[in-house]
Amino acid sequence: QLQLVESGGGLVQSGGSLRLSCAASGFTLDYYAIGWFRQAPGKEREAVLCISMRGATTNYIDSVKGRLTISRDNDKNTGYLQMNSLKPADTAVYYCAVGAGCYSDHDPEAGMDYWGKGILVTVSA
């Protein structure tokens, strides 16, 4: 059964760090782009970062530049989102997704075919 499971979320103080993992099972990540998305309370889901099959990254949010980094380890069939210098504004449910590619700002979700259930990240002030 094809499955994506996020882990590594939780509560952290402002300025702290977390690393989210996205473990795939039932298929290999080698042939998929991996995207991280987030949905803050009361807001629509937005794309954060995406990494292509070949490792090229796309950043969708200016405010995370230099703080959040996406990576992948195909040997472990896992994607990662390293989050440093976290701010209360980063509080959200974070979702990983995989698909054909990292689409443009216009509709990044269109490139994603499979989604995890999401994991909560809470950044306290």
PDB file of N, CA and C in Angstrom:
ATOM      1  N   GLN A   1       0.837  -1.187   0.000  1.00  0.00           N
ATOM      2  CA  GLN A   1       0.000   0.000   0.000  1.00  0.00           C
ATOM      3  C   GLN A   1       0.878   1.246   0.000  1.00  0.00           C
ATOM      4  N   LEU A   2       0.618   2.147  -0.918  1.00  0.00           N
ATOM      5  CA  LEU A   2       1.393   3.361  -1.036  1.00  0.00           C
ATOM      6  C   LEU A   2       1.080   4.293   0.130  1.00  0.00           C
ATOM      7  N   GLN A   3       2.107   4.761   0.806  1.00  0.00           N
ATOM      8  CA  GLN A   3       1.892   5.564   1.999  1.00  0.00           C
ATOM      9  C   GLN A   3       3.031   6.564   2.196  1.00  0.00           C
ATOM     10  N   LEU A   4       2.676   7.745   2.684  1.00  0.00           N
ATOM     11  CA  LEU A   4       3.640   8.760   3.101  1.00  0.00           C
ATOM     12  C   LEU A   4       3.342   9.093   4.551  1.00  0.00           C
ATOM     13  N   VAL A   5       4.360   9.066   5.374  1.00  0.00           N
ATOM     14  CA  VAL A   5       4.170   9.341   6.798  1.00  0.00           C
ATOM     15  C   VAL A   5       5.157  10.407   7.247  1.00  0.00           C
ATOM     16  N   GLU A   6       4.607  11.503   7.763  1.00  0.00           N
ATOM     17  CA  GLU A   6       5.448  12.575   8.289  1.00  0.00           C
ATOM     18  C   GLU A   6       5.767  12.310   9.762  1.00  0.00           C
ATOM     19  N   SER A   7       6.946  12.755  10.183  1.00  0.00           N
ATOM     20  CA  SER A   7       7.336  12.661  11.583  1.00  0.00           C
ATOM     21  C   SER A   7       8.271  13.814  11.911  1.00  0.00           C
ATOM     22  N   GLY A   8       8.487  14.034  13.202  1.00  0.00           N
ATOM     23  CA  GLY A   8       9.434  15.048  13.638  1.00  0.00           C
ATOM     24  C   GLY A   8       8.818  16.365  14.067  1.00  0.00           C
ATOM     25  N   GLY A   9       7.508  16.458  13.995  1.00  0.00           N
ATOM     26  CA  GLY A   9       6.852  17.692  14.402  1.00  0.00           C
ATOM     27  C   GLY A   9       6.752  17.810  15.908  1.00  0.00           C
ATOM     28  N   GLY A  10       6.136  18.901  16.359  1.00  0.00           N
ATOM     29  CA  GLY A  10       5.946  19.101  17.790  1.00  0.00           C
ATOM     30  C   GLY A  10       6.001  20.552  18.162  1.00  0.00           C
ATOM     31  N   LEU A  11       6.271  20.786  19.442  1.00  0.00           N
ATOM     32  CA  LEU A  11       6.328  22.140  19.984  1.00  0.00           C
ATOM     33  C   LEU A  11       7.775  22.573  20.143  1.00  0.00           C
ATOM     34  N   VAL A  12       8.068  23.772  19.676  1.00  0.00           N
ATOM     35  CA  VAL A  12       9.424  24.307  19.786  1.00  0.00           C
ATOM     36  C   VAL A  12       9.325  25.798  20.077  1.00  0.00           C
ATOM     37  N   GLN A  13      10.322  26.328  20.764  1.00  0.00           N
ATOM     38  CA  GLN A  13      10.346  27.765  21.041  1.00  0.00           C
ATOM     39  C   GLN A  13      10.829  28.545  19.826  1.00  0.00           C
ATOM     40  N   SER A  14      10.446  29.775  19.774  1.00  0.00           N
ATOM     41  CA  SER A  14      10.901  30.651  18.703  1.00  0.00           C
ATOM     42  C   SER A  14      12.426  30.658  18.653  1.00  0.00           C
ATOM     43  N   GLY A  15      12.963  30.530  17.446  1.00  0.00           N
ATOM     44  CA  GLY A  15      14.400  30.451  17.267  1.00  0.00           C
ATOM     45  C   GLY A  15      14.943  29.036  17.246  1.00  0.00           C
ATOM     46  N   GLY A  16      14.094  28.073  17.587  1.00  0.00           N
ATOM     47  CA  GLY A  16      14.519  26.683  17.627  1.00  0.00           C
ATOM     48  C   GLY A  16      14.486  26.008  16.267  1.00  0.00           C
ATOM     49  N   SER A  17      14.794  24.721  16.279  1.00  0.00           N
ATOM     50  CA  SER A  17      14.881  23.945  15.038  1.00  0.00           C
ATOM     51  C   SER A  17      14.108  22.639  15.151  1.00  0.00           C
ATOM     52  N   LEU A  18      13.636  22.196  14.024  1.00  0.00           N
ATOM     53  CA  LEU A  18      13.023  20.875  13.898  1.00  0.00           C
ATOM     54  C   LEU A  18      13.393  20.307  12.540  1.00  0.00           C
ATOM     55  N   ARG A  19      13.411  19.004  12.451  1.00  0.00           N
ATOM     56  CA  ARG A  19      13.570  18.367  11.146  1.00  0.00           C
ATOM     57  C   ARG A  19      12.404  17.414  10.937  1.00  0.00           C
ATOM     58  N   LEU A  20      11.634  17.702   9.921  1.00  0.00           N
ATOM     59  CA  LEU A  20      10.536  16.836   9.552  1.00  0.00           C
ATOM     60  C   LEU A  20      11.025  15.780   8.568  1.00  0.00           C
ATOM     61  N   SER A  21      10.506  14.579   8.727  1.00  0.00           N
ATOM     62  CA  SER A  21      10.801  13.503   7.798  1.00  0.00           C
ATOM     63  C   SER A  21       9.523  13.071   7.102  1.00  0.00           C
ATOM     64  N   CYS A  22       9.687  12.585   5.901  1.00  0.00           N
ATOM     65  CA  CYS A  22       8.561  12.080   5.104  1.00  0.00           C
ATOM     66  C   CYS A  22       8.988  10.713   4.581  1.00  0.00           C
ATOM     67  N   ALA A  23       8.536   9.681   5.240  1.00  0.00           N
ATOM     68  CA  ALA A  23       8.928   8.320   4.886  1.00  0.00           C
ATOM     69  C   ALA A  23       7.910   7.703   3.936  1.00  0.00           C
ATOM     70  N   ALA A  24       8.414   7.188   2.841  1.00  0.00           N
ATOM     71  CA  ALA A  24       7.543   6.559   1.851  1.00  0.00           C
ATOM     72  C   ALA A  24       7.590   5.045   1.993  1.00  0.00           C
ATOM     73  N   SER A  25       6.451   4.425   1.792  1.00  0.00           N
ATOM     74  CA  SER A  25       6.392   2.968   1.776  1.00  0.00           C
ATOM     75  C   SER A  25       5.454   2.529   0.669  1.00  0.00           C
ATOM     76  N   GLY A  26       5.742   1.359   0.125  1.00  0.00           N
ATOM     77  CA  GLY A  26       4.915   0.836  -0.952  1.00  0.00           C
ATOM     78  C   GLY A  26       5.325   1.310  -2.340  1.00  0.00           C
ATOM     79  N   PHE A  27       6.299   2.197  -2.401  1.00  0.00           N
ATOM     80  CA  PHE A  27       6.798   2.674  -3.691  1.00  0.00           C
ATOM     81  C   PHE A  27       8.159   3.321  -3.432  1.00  0.00           C
ATOM     82  N   THR A  28       8.903   3.605  -4.495  1.00  0.00           N
ATOM     83  CA  THR A  28      10.201   4.237  -4.344  1.00  0.00           C
ATOM     84  C   THR A  28      10.112   5.719  -4.713  1.00  0.00           C
ATOM     85  N   LEU A  29      10.781   6.543  -3.898  1.00  0.00           N
ATOM     86  CA  LEU A  29      10.750   7.974  -4.117  1.00  0.00           C
ATOM     87  C   LEU A  29      11.633   8.428  -5.280  1.00  0.00           C
ATOM     88  N   ASP A  30      12.487   7.544  -5.779  1.00  0.00           N
ATOM     89  CA  ASP A  30      13.475   7.931  -6.789  1.00  0.00           C
ATOM     90  C   ASP A  30      12.851   8.668  -7.968  1.00  0.00           C
ATOM     91  N   TYR A  31      11.631   8.304  -8.332  1.00  0.00           N
ATOM     92  CA  TYR A  31      11.026   8.817  -9.555  1.00  0.00           C
ATOM     93  C   TYR A  31       9.976   9.888  -9.294  1.00  0.00           C
ATOM     94  N   TYR A  32      10.037  10.490  -8.106  1.00  0.00           N
ATOM     95  CA  TYR A  32       9.060  11.499  -7.752  1.00  0.00           C
ATOM     96  C   TYR A  32       9.730  12.764  -7.230  1.00  0.00           C
ATOM     97  N   ALA A  33       9.103  13.887  -7.519  1.00  0.00           N
ATOM     98  CA  ALA A  33       9.437  15.110  -6.807  1.00  0.00           C
ATOM     99  C   ALA A  33       8.770  15.057  -5.435  1.00  0.00           C
ATOM    100  N   ILE A  34       9.385  15.718  -4.468  1.00  0.00           N
ATOM    101  CA  ILE A  34       8.848  15.762  -3.108  1.00  0.00           C
ATOM    102  C   ILE A  34       8.546  17.209  -2.744  1.00  0.00           C
ATOM    103  N   GLY A  35       7.350  17.437  -2.275  1.00  0.00           N
ATOM    104  CA  GLY A  35       6.975  18.788  -1.873  1.00  0.00           C
ATOM    105  C   GLY A  35       6.562  18.831  -0.417  1.00  0.00           C
ATOM    106  N   TRP A  36       6.837  19.963   0.195  1.00  0.00           N
ATOM    107  CA  TRP A  36       6.342  20.227   1.547  1.00  0.00           C
ATOM    108  C   TRP A  36       5.371  21.408   1.462  1.00  0.00           C
ATOM    109  N   PHE A  37       4.247  21.237   2.112  1.00  0.00           N
ATOM    110  CA  PHE A  37       3.194  22.240   2.140  1.00  0.00           C
ATOM    111  C   PHE A  37       2.808  22.472   3.595  1.00  0.00           C
ATOM    112  N   ARG A  38       2.154  23.594   3.865  1.00  0.00           N
ATOM    113  CA  ARG A  38       1.711  23.831   5.226  1.00  0.00           C
ATOM    114  C   ARG A  38       0.380  24.573   5.234  1.00  0.00           C
ATOM    115  N   GLN A  39      -0.358  24.352   6.317  1.00  0.00           N
ATOM    116  CA  GLN A  39      -1.629  25.044   6.495  1.00  0.00           C
ATOM    117  C   GLN A  39      -1.689  25.587   7.913  1.00  0.00           C
ATOM    118  N   ALA A  40      -1.625  26.898   8.007  1.00  0.00           N
ATOM    119  CA  ALA A  40      -1.706  27.570   9.300  1.00  0.00           C
ATOM    120  C   ALA A  40      -3.170  27.673   9.729  1.00  0.00           C
ATOM    121  N   PRO A  41      -3.417  27.820  11.017  1.00  0.00           N
ATOM    122  CA  PRO A  41      -4.804  27.924  11.498  1.00  0.00           C
ATOM    123  C   PRO A  41      -5.563  29.047  10.805  1.00  0.00           C
ATOM    124  N   GLY A  42      -6.710  28.719  10.236  1.00  0.00           N
ATOM    125  CA  GLY A  42      -7.549  29.712   9.596  1.00  0.00           C
ATOM    126  C   GLY A  42      -7.096  30.157   8.228  1.00  0.00           C
ATOM    127  N   LYS A  43      -6.066  29.505   7.689  1.00  0.00           N
ATOM    128  CA  LYS A  43      -5.549  29.897   6.384  1.00  0.00           C
ATOM    129  C   LYS A  43      -5.581  28.732   5.408  1.00  0.00           C
ATOM    130  N   GLU A  44      -5.422  29.052   4.141  1.00  0.00           N
ATOM    131  CA  GLU A  44      -5.373  28.018   3.121  1.00  0.00           C
ATOM    132  C   GLU A  44      -3.993  27.351   3.119  1.00  0.00           C
ATOM    133  N   ARG A  45      -3.975  26.152   2.609  1.00  0.00           N
ATOM    134  CA  ARG A  45      -2.704  25.447   2.491  1.00  0.00           C
ATOM    135  C   ARG A  45      -1.831  26.141   1.441  1.00  0.00           C
ATOM    136  N   GLU A  46      -0.535  26.206   1.737  1.00  0.00           N
ATOM    137  CA  GLU A  46       0.395  26.848   0.815  1.00  0.00           C
ATOM    138  C   GLU A  46       1.619  25.957   0.614  1.00  0.00           C
ATOM    139  N   ALA A  47       2.214  26.108  -0.539  1.00  0.00           N
ATOM    140  CA  ALA A  47       3.439  25.372  -0.837  1.00  0.00           C
ATOM    141  C   ALA A  47       4.612  26.044  -0.145  1.00  0.00           C
ATOM    142  N   VAL A  48       5.538  25.238   0.348  1.00  0.00           N
ATOM    143  CA  VAL A  48       6.721  25.765   1.031  1.00  0.00           C
ATOM    144  C   VAL A  48       7.969  25.539   0.163  1.00  0.00           C
ATOM    145  N   LEU A  49       8.304  24.282  -0.050  1.00  0.00           N
ATOM    146  CA  LEU A  49       9.497  23.924  -0.807  1.00  0.00           C
ATOM    147  C   LEU A  49       9.222  22.650  -1.588  1.00  0.00           C
ATOM    148  N   CYS A  50       9.983  22.479  -2.648  1.00  0.00           N
ATOM    149  CA  CYS A  50       9.853  21.272  -3.463  1.00  0.00           C
ATOM    150  C   CYS A  50      11.250  20.889  -3.947  1.00  0.00           C
ATOM    151  N   ILE A  51      11.478  19.583  -4.067  1.00  0.00           N
ATOM    152  CA  ILE A  51      12.747  19.103  -4.598  1.00  0.00           C
ATOM    153  C   ILE A  51      12.451  18.109  -5.710  1.00  0.00           C
ATOM    154  N   SER A  52      13.081  18.303  -6.838  1.00  0.00           N
ATOM    155  CA  SER A  52      12.823  17.455  -7.993  1.00  0.00           C
ATOM    156  C   SER A  52      13.521  16.108  -7.837  1.00  0.00           C
ATOM    157  N   MET A  53      13.261  15.231  -8.802  1.00  0.00           N
ATOM    158  CA  MET A  53      13.899  13.913  -8.798  1.00  0.00           C
ATOM    159  C   MET A  53      15.419  14.054  -8.824  1.00  0.00           C
ATOM    160  N   ARG A  54      15.892  15.095  -9.492  1.00  0.00           N
ATOM    161  CA  ARG A  54      17.335  15.270  -9.635  1.00  0.00           C
ATOM    162  C   ARG A  54      17.946  16.163  -8.577  1.00  0.00           C
ATOM    163  N   GLY A  55      17.125  16.641  -7.646  1.00  0.00           N
ATOM    164  CA  GLY A  55      17.651  17.408  -6.534  1.00  0.00           C
ATOM    165  C   GLY A  55      17.555  18.916  -6.659  1.00  0.00           C
ATOM    166  N   ALA A  56      16.960  19.412  -7.725  1.00  0.00           N
ATOM    167  CA  ALA A  56      16.765  20.852  -7.859  1.00  0.00           C
ATOM    168  C   ALA A  56      15.626  21.287  -6.934  1.00  0.00           C
ATOM    169  N   THR A  57      15.830  22.420  -6.270  1.00  0.00           N
ATOM    170  CA  THR A  57      14.836  22.861  -5.290  1.00  0.00           C
ATOM    171  C   THR A  57      14.088  24.098  -5.767  1.00  0.00           C
ATOM    172  N   THR A  58      12.853  24.189  -5.335  1.00  0.00           N
ATOM    173  CA  THR A  58      11.990  25.333  -5.613  1.00  0.00           C
ATOM    174  C   THR A  58      11.467  25.862  -4.297  1.00  0.00           C
ATOM    175  N   ASN A  59      11.625  27.170  -4.101  1.00  0.00           N
ATOM    176  CA  ASN A  59      11.159  27.811  -2.879  1.00  0.00           C
ATOM    177  C   ASN A  59       9.946  28.664  -3.219  1.00  0.00           C
ATOM    178  N   TYR A  60       8.850  28.445  -2.517  1.00  0.00           N
ATOM    179  CA  TYR A  60       7.612  29.149  -2.824  1.00  0.00           C
ATOM    180  C   TYR A  60       7.324  30.316  -1.877  1.00  0.00           C
ATOM    181  N   ILE A  61       8.051  30.403  -0.780  1.00  0.00           N
ATOM    182  CA  ILE A  61       7.766  31.437   0.220  1.00  0.00           C
ATOM    183  C   ILE A  61       9.039  32.184   0.561  1.00  0.00           C
ATOM    184  N   ASP A  62       9.078  33.477   0.318  1.00  0.00           N
ATOM    185  CA  ASP A  62      10.282  34.270   0.575  1.00  0.00           C
ATOM    186  C   ASP A  62      10.681  34.244   2.043  1.00  0.00           C
ATOM    187  N   SER A  63       9.716  34.199   2.933  1.00  0.00           N
ATOM    188  CA  SER A  63      10.012  34.307   4.361  1.00  0.00           C
ATOM    189  C   SER A  63      10.742  33.092   4.925  1.00  0.00           C
ATOM    190  N   VAL A  64      10.798  32.000   4.190  1.00  0.00           N
ATOM    191  CA  VAL A  64      11.502  30.819   4.706  1.00  0.00           C
ATOM    192  C   VAL A  64      12.902  30.683   4.128  1.00  0.00           C
ATOM    193  N   LYS A  65      13.248  31.527   3.198  1.00  0.00           N
ATOM    194  CA  LYS A  65      14.576  31.444   2.580  1.00  0.00           C
ATOM    195  C   LYS A  65      15.650  31.590   3.626  1.00  0.00           C
ATOM    196  N   GLY A  66      16.620  30.688   3.582  1.00  0.00           N
ATOM    197  CA  GLY A  66      17.709  30.711   4.547  1.00  0.00           C
ATOM    198  C   GLY A  66      17.373  30.057   5.862  1.00  0.00           C
ATOM    199  N   ARG A  67      16.107  29.705   6.070  1.00  0.00           N
ATOM    200  CA  ARG A  67      15.714  29.065   7.334  1.00  0.00           C
ATOM    201  C   ARG A  67      15.218  27.639   7.139  1.00  0.00           C
ATOM    202  N   LEU A  68      14.461  27.391   6.088  1.00  0.00           N
ATOM    203  CA  LEU A  68      13.933  26.055   5.825  1.00  0.00           C
ATOM    204  C   LEU A  68      14.619  25.481   4.595  1.00  0.00           C
ATOM    205  N   THR A  69      14.991  24.224   4.694  1.00  0.00           N
ATOM    206  CA  THR A  69      15.733  23.564   3.623  1.00  0.00           C
ATOM    207  C   THR A  69      15.122  22.196   3.351  1.00  0.00           C
ATOM    208  N   ILE A  70      14.955  21.885   2.087  1.00  0.00           N
ATOM    209  CA  ILE A  70      14.412  20.594   1.710  1.00  0.00           C
ATOM    210  C   ILE A  70      15.532  19.701   1.195  1.00  0.00           C
ATOM    211  N   SER A  71      15.428  18.412   1.473  1.00  0.00           N
ATOM    212  CA  SER A  71      16.415  17.458   0.979  1.00  0.00           C
ATOM    213  C   SER A  71      15.742  16.101   0.826  1.00  0.00           C
ATOM    214  N   ARG A  72      16.496  15.187   0.245  1.00  0.00           N
ATOM    215  CA  ARG A  72      15.968  13.847   0.054  1.00  0.00           C
ATOM    216  C   ARG A  72      17.090  12.829   0.185  1.00  0.00           C
ATOM    217  N   ASP A  73      16.739  11.642   0.645  1.00  0.00           N
ATOM    218  CA  ASP A  73      17.682  10.527   0.720  1.00  0.00           C
ATOM    219  C   ASP A  73      16.972   9.345   0.075  1.00  0.00           C
ATOM    220  N   ASN A  74      17.256   9.127  -1.185  1.00  0.00           N
ATOM    221  CA  ASN A  74      16.567   8.060  -1.914  1.00  0.00           C
ATOM    222  C   ASN A  74      16.907   6.679  -1.355  1.00  0.00           C
ATOM    223  N   ASP A  75      18.102   6.529  -0.812  1.00  0.00           N
ATOM    224  CA  ASP A  75      18.477   5.232  -0.228  1.00  0.00           C
ATOM    225  C   ASP A  75      17.573   4.889   0.958  1.00  0.00           C
ATOM    226  N   LYS A  76      17.162   5.936   1.692  1.00  0.00           N
ATOM    227  CA  LYS A  76      16.283   5.731   2.828  1.00  0.00           C
ATOM    228  C   LYS A  76      14.809   5.906   2.465  1.00  0.00           C
ATOM    229  N   ASN A  77      14.581   6.238   1.187  1.00  0.00           N
ATOM    230  CA  ASN A  77      13.200   6.456   0.712  1.00  0.00           C
ATOM    231  C   ASN A  77      12.478   7.501   1.558  1.00  0.00           C
ATOM    232  N   THR A  78      13.195   8.572   1.849  1.00  0.00           N
ATOM    233  CA  THR A  78      12.698   9.585   2.777  1.00  0.00           C
ATOM    234  C   THR A  78      13.049  10.987   2.300  1.00  0.00           C
ATOM    235  N   GLY A  79      12.111  11.892   2.507  1.00  0.00           N
ATOM    236  CA  GLY A  79      12.370  13.301   2.268  1.00  0.00           C
ATOM    237  C   GLY A  79      12.428  14.031   3.592  1.00  0.00           C
ATOM    238  N   TYR A  80      13.060  15.218   3.571  1.00  0.00           N
ATOM    239  CA  TYR A  80      13.246  15.946   4.826  1.00  0.00           C
ATOM    240  C   TYR A  80      12.937  17.430   4.625  1.00  0.00           C
ATOM    241  N   LEU A  81      12.533  18.045   5.732  1.00  0.00           N
ATOM    242  CA  LEU A  81      12.403  19.495   5.777  1.00  0.00           C
ATOM    243  C   LEU A  81      13.111  19.946   7.041  1.00  0.00           C
ATOM    244  N   GLN A  82      14.288  20.543   6.866  1.00  0.00           N
ATOM    245  CA  GLN A  82      15.042  21.086   7.999  1.00  0.00           C
ATOM    246  C   GLN A  82      14.552  22.508   8.255  1.00  0.00           C
ATOM    247  N   MET A  83      14.136  22.756   9.470  1.00  0.00           N
ATOM    248  CA  MET A  83      13.577  24.063   9.807  1.00  0.00           C
ATOM    249  C   MET A  83      14.389  24.686  10.933  1.00  0.00           C
ATOM    250  N   ASN A  84      15.055  25.780  10.635  1.00  0.00           N
ATOM    251  CA  ASN A  84      15.882  26.498  11.611  1.00  0.00           C
ATOM    252  C   ASN A  84      15.299  27.890  11.846  1.00  0.00           C
ATOM    253  N   SER A  85      15.716  28.495  12.945  1.00  0.00           N
ATOM    254  CA  SER A  85      15.283  29.855  13.285  1.00  0.00           C
ATOM    255  C   SER A  85      13.772  29.987  13.169  1.00  0.00           C
ATOM    256  N   LEU A  86      13.073  29.049  13.736  1.00  0.00           N
ATOM    257  CA  LEU A  86      11.626  29.015  13.596  1.00  0.00           C
ATOM    258  C   LEU A  86      10.958  30.208  14.264  1.00  0.00           C
ATOM    259  N   LYS A  87       9.852  30.630  13.673  1.00  0.00           N
ATOM    260  CA  LYS A  87       9.086  31.765  14.159  1.00  0.00           C
ATOM    261  C   LYS A  87       7.651  31.318  14.454  1.00  0.00           C
ATOM    262  N   PRO A  88       6.957  32.037  15.303  1.00  0.00           N
ATOM    263  CA  PRO A  88       5.548  31.690  15.535  1.00  0.00           C
ATOM    264  C   PRO A  88       4.724  31.624  14.242  1.00  0.00           C
ATOM    265  N   ALA A  89       5.094  32.440  13.260  1.00  0.00           N
ATOM    266  CA  ALA A  89       4.371  32.430  11.981  1.00  0.00           C
ATOM    267  C   ALA A  89       4.552  31.125  11.212  1.00  0.00           C
ATOM    268  N   ASP A  90       5.513  30.293  11.624  1.00  0.00           N
ATOM    269  CA  ASP A  90       5.706  28.989  10.976  1.00  0.00           C
ATOM    270  C   ASP A  90       4.778  27.923  11.550  1.00  0.00           C
ATOM    271  N   THR A  91       4.027  28.260  12.577  1.00  0.00           N
ATOM    272  CA  THR A  91       3.081  27.315  13.160  1.00  0.00           C
ATOM    273  C   THR A  91       2.051  26.888  12.122  1.00  0.00           C
ATOM    274  N   ALA A  92       1.945  25.582  11.919  1.00  0.00           N
ATOM    275  CA  ALA A  92       1.047  25.056  10.894  1.00  0.00           C
ATOM    276  C   ALA A  92       1.061  23.533  10.942  1.00  0.00           C
ATOM    277  N   VAL A  93       0.128  22.947  10.226  1.00  0.00           N
ATOM    278  CA  VAL A  93       0.214  21.523   9.908  1.00  0.00           C
ATOM    279  C   VAL A  93       1.027  21.410   8.626  1.00  0.00           C
ATOM    280  N   TYR A  94       2.057  20.604   8.669  1.00  0.00           N
ATOM    281  CA  TYR A  94       2.949  20.439   7.524  1.00  0.00           C
ATOM    282  C   TYR A  94       2.645  19.103   6.837  1.00  0.00           C
ATOM    283  N   TYR A  95       2.522  19.172   5.536  1.00  0.00           N
ATOM    284  CA  TYR A  95       2.225  18.008   4.723  1.00  0.00           C
ATOM    285  C   TYR A  95       3.356  17.746   3.743  1.00  0.00           C
ATOM    286  N   CYS A  96       3.728  16.486   3.588  1.00  0.00           N
ATOM    287  CA  CYS A  96       4.599  16.145   2.477  1.00  0.00           C
ATOM    288  C   CYS A  96       3.742  15.525   1.371  1.00  0.00           C
ATOM    289  N   ALA A  97       4.219  15.663   0.166  1.00  0.00           N
ATOM    290  CA  ALA A  97       3.519  15.143  -0.993  1.00  0.00           C
ATOM    291  C   ALA A  97       4.547  14.762  -2.041  1.00  0.00           C
ATOM    292  N   VAL A  98       4.172  13.865  -2.926  1.00  0.00           N
ATOM    293  CA  VAL A  98       5.064  13.470  -4.015  1.00  0.00           C
ATOM    294  C   VAL A  98       4.282  13.487  -5.312  1.00  0.00           C
ATOM    295  N   GLY A  99       5.015  13.729  -6.382  1.00  0.00           N
ATOM    296  CA  GLY A  99       4.347  13.778  -7.669  1.00  0.00           C
ATOM    297  C   GLY A  99       5.329  13.917  -8.806  1.00  0.00           C
ATOM    298  N   ALA A 100       4.784  14.314  -9.944  1.00  0.00           N
ATOM    299  CA  ALA A 100       5.562  14.340 -11.177  1.00  0.00           C
ATOM    300  C   ALA A 100       6.633  15.419 -11.190  1.00  0.00           C
ATOM    301  N   GLY A 101       6.376  16.548 -10.519  1.00  0.00           N
ATOM    302  CA  GLY A 101       7.355  17.617 -10.590  1.00  0.00           C
ATOM    303  C   GLY A 101       7.022  18.787  -9.699  1.00  0.00           C
ATOM    304  N   CYS A 102       7.979  19.703  -9.613  1.00  0.00           N
ATOM    305  CA  CYS A 102       7.807  20.922  -8.819  1.00  0.00           C
ATOM    306  C   CYS A 102       7.230  21.991  -9.737  1.00  0.00           C
ATOM    307  N   TYR A 103       5.949  22.179  -9.666  1.00  0.00           N
ATOM    308  CA  TYR A 103       5.282  23.119 -10.546  1.00  0.00           C
ATOM    309  C   TYR A 103       5.534  24.555 -10.104  1.00  0.00           C
ATOM    310  N   SER A 104       5.163  25.465 -10.949  1.00  0.00           N
ATOM    311  CA  SER A 104       5.411  26.880 -10.682  1.00  0.00           C
ATOM    312  C   SER A 104       4.516  27.389  -9.563  1.00  0.00           C
ATOM    313  N   ASP A 105       4.747  28.659  -9.204  1.00  0.00           N
ATOM    314  CA  ASP A 105       3.951  29.288  -8.149  1.00  0.00           C
ATOM    315  C   ASP A 105       2.454  29.253  -8.438  1.00  0.00           C
ATOM    316  N   HIS A 106       2.105  29.178  -9.705  1.00  0.00           N
ATOM    317  CA  HIS A 106       0.692  29.279 -10.084  1.00  0.00           C
ATOM    318  C   HIS A 106      -0.143  28.166  -9.455  1.00  0.00           C
ATOM    319  N   ASP A 107       0.367  26.934  -9.505  1.00  0.00           N
ATOM    320  CA  ASP A 107      -0.393  25.808  -8.964  1.00  0.00           C
ATOM    321  C   ASP A 107       0.531  24.674  -8.569  1.00  0.00           C
ATOM    322  N   PRO A 108       1.317  24.867  -7.517  1.00  0.00           N
ATOM    323  CA  PRO A 108       2.282  23.827  -7.142  1.00  0.00           C
ATOM    324  C   PRO A 108       1.634  22.509  -6.744  1.00  0.00           C
ATOM    325  N   GLU A 109       0.403  22.546  -6.222  1.00  0.00           N
ATOM    326  CA  GLU A 109      -0.238  21.302  -5.820  1.00  0.00           C
ATOM    327  C   GLU A 109      -0.571  20.425  -7.020  1.00  0.00           C
ATOM    328  N   ALA A 110      -0.651  21.019  -8.188  1.00  0.00           N
ATOM    329  CA  ALA A 110      -0.978  20.236  -9.384  1.00  0.00           C
ATOM    330  C   ALA A 110       0.102  19.223  -9.709  1.00  0.00           C
ATOM    331  N   GLY A 111       1.307  19.447  -9.213  1.00  0.00           N
ATOM    332  CA  GLY A 111       2.390  18.512  -9.491  1.00  0.00           C
ATOM    333  C   GLY A 111       2.437  17.344  -8.537  1.00  0.00           C
ATOM    334  N   MET A 112       1.578  17.353  -7.537  1.00  0.00           N
ATOM    335  CA  MET A 112       1.608  16.339  -6.491  1.00  0.00           C
ATOM    336  C   MET A 112       0.461  15.344  -6.670  1.00  0.00           C
ATOM    337  N   ASP A 113       0.792  14.067  -6.481  1.00  0.00           N
ATOM    338  CA  ASP A 113      -0.203  13.013  -6.660  1.00  0.00           C
ATOM    339  C   ASP A 113      -0.597  12.319  -5.360  1.00  0.00           C
ATOM    340  N   TYR A 114       0.350  12.226  -4.442  1.00  0.00           N
ATOM    341  CA  TYR A 114       0.095  11.506  -3.190  1.00  0.00           C
ATOM    342  C   TYR A 114       0.493  12.386  -2.018  1.00  0.00           C
ATOM    343  N   TRP A 115      -0.298  12.293  -0.950  1.00  0.00           N
ATOM    344  CA  TRP A 115      -0.126  13.175   0.195  1.00  0.00           C
ATOM    345  C   TRP A 115      -0.037  12.401   1.502  1.00  0.00           C
ATOM    346  N   GLY A 116       0.770  12.918   2.433  1.00  0.00           N
ATOM    347  CA  GLY A 116       0.734  12.416   3.787  1.00  0.00           C
ATOM    348  C   GLY A 116      -0.430  13.037   4.529  1.00  0.00           C
ATOM    349  N   LYS A 117      -0.628  12.586   5.768  1.00  0.00           N
ATOM    350  CA  LYS A 117      -1.757  13.077   6.560  1.00  0.00           C
ATOM    351  C   LYS A 117      -1.449  14.388   7.265  1.00  0.00           C
ATOM    352  N   GLY A 118      -0.187  14.744   7.313  1.00  0.00           N
ATOM    353  CA  GLY A 118       0.190  15.997   7.939  1.00  0.00           C
ATOM    354  C   GLY A 118       0.672  15.823   9.363  1.00  0.00           C
ATOM    355  N   ILE A 119       1.472  16.801   9.802  1.00  0.00           N
ATOM    356  CA  ILE A 119       1.993  16.778  11.162  1.00  0.00           C
ATOM    357  C   ILE A 119       2.044  18.208  11.674  1.00  0.00           C
ATOM    358  N   LEU A 120       1.701  18.378  12.939  1.00  0.00           N
ATOM    359  CA  LEU A 120       1.606  19.710  13.511  1.00  0.00           C
ATOM    360  C   LEU A 120       2.959  20.193  14.011  1.00  0.00           C
ATOM    361  N   VAL A 121       3.276  21.426  13.642  1.00  0.00           N
ATOM    362  CA  VAL A 121       4.439  22.145  14.167  1.00  0.00           C
ATOM    363  C   VAL A 121       3.924  23.403  14.858  1.00  0.00           C
ATOM    364  N   THR A 122       4.263  23.536  16.113  1.00  0.00           N
ATOM    365  CA  THR A 122       3.847  24.702  16.880  1.00  0.00           C
ATOM    366  C   THR A 122       5.077  25.426  17.385  1.00  0.00           C
ATOM    367  N   VAL A 123       5.177  26.707  17.059  1.00  0.00           N
ATOM    368  CA  VAL A 123       6.311  27.516  17.487  1.00  0.00           C
ATOM    369  C   VAL A 123       5.800  28.539  18.492  1.00  0.00           C
ATOM    370  N   SER A 124       6.292  28.447  19.713  1.00  0.00           N
ATOM    371  CA  SER A 124       5.845  29.375  20.745  1.00  0.00           C
ATOM    372  C   SER A 124       6.731  30.611  20.772  1.00  0.00           C
ATOM    373  N   ALA A 125       6.132  31.717  21.167  1.00  0.00           N
ATOM    374  CA  ALA A 125       6.862  32.991  21.186  1.00  0.00           C
ATOM    375  C   ALA A 125       7.848  33.051  22.343  1.00  0.00           C
TER     376      ALA A 125
END
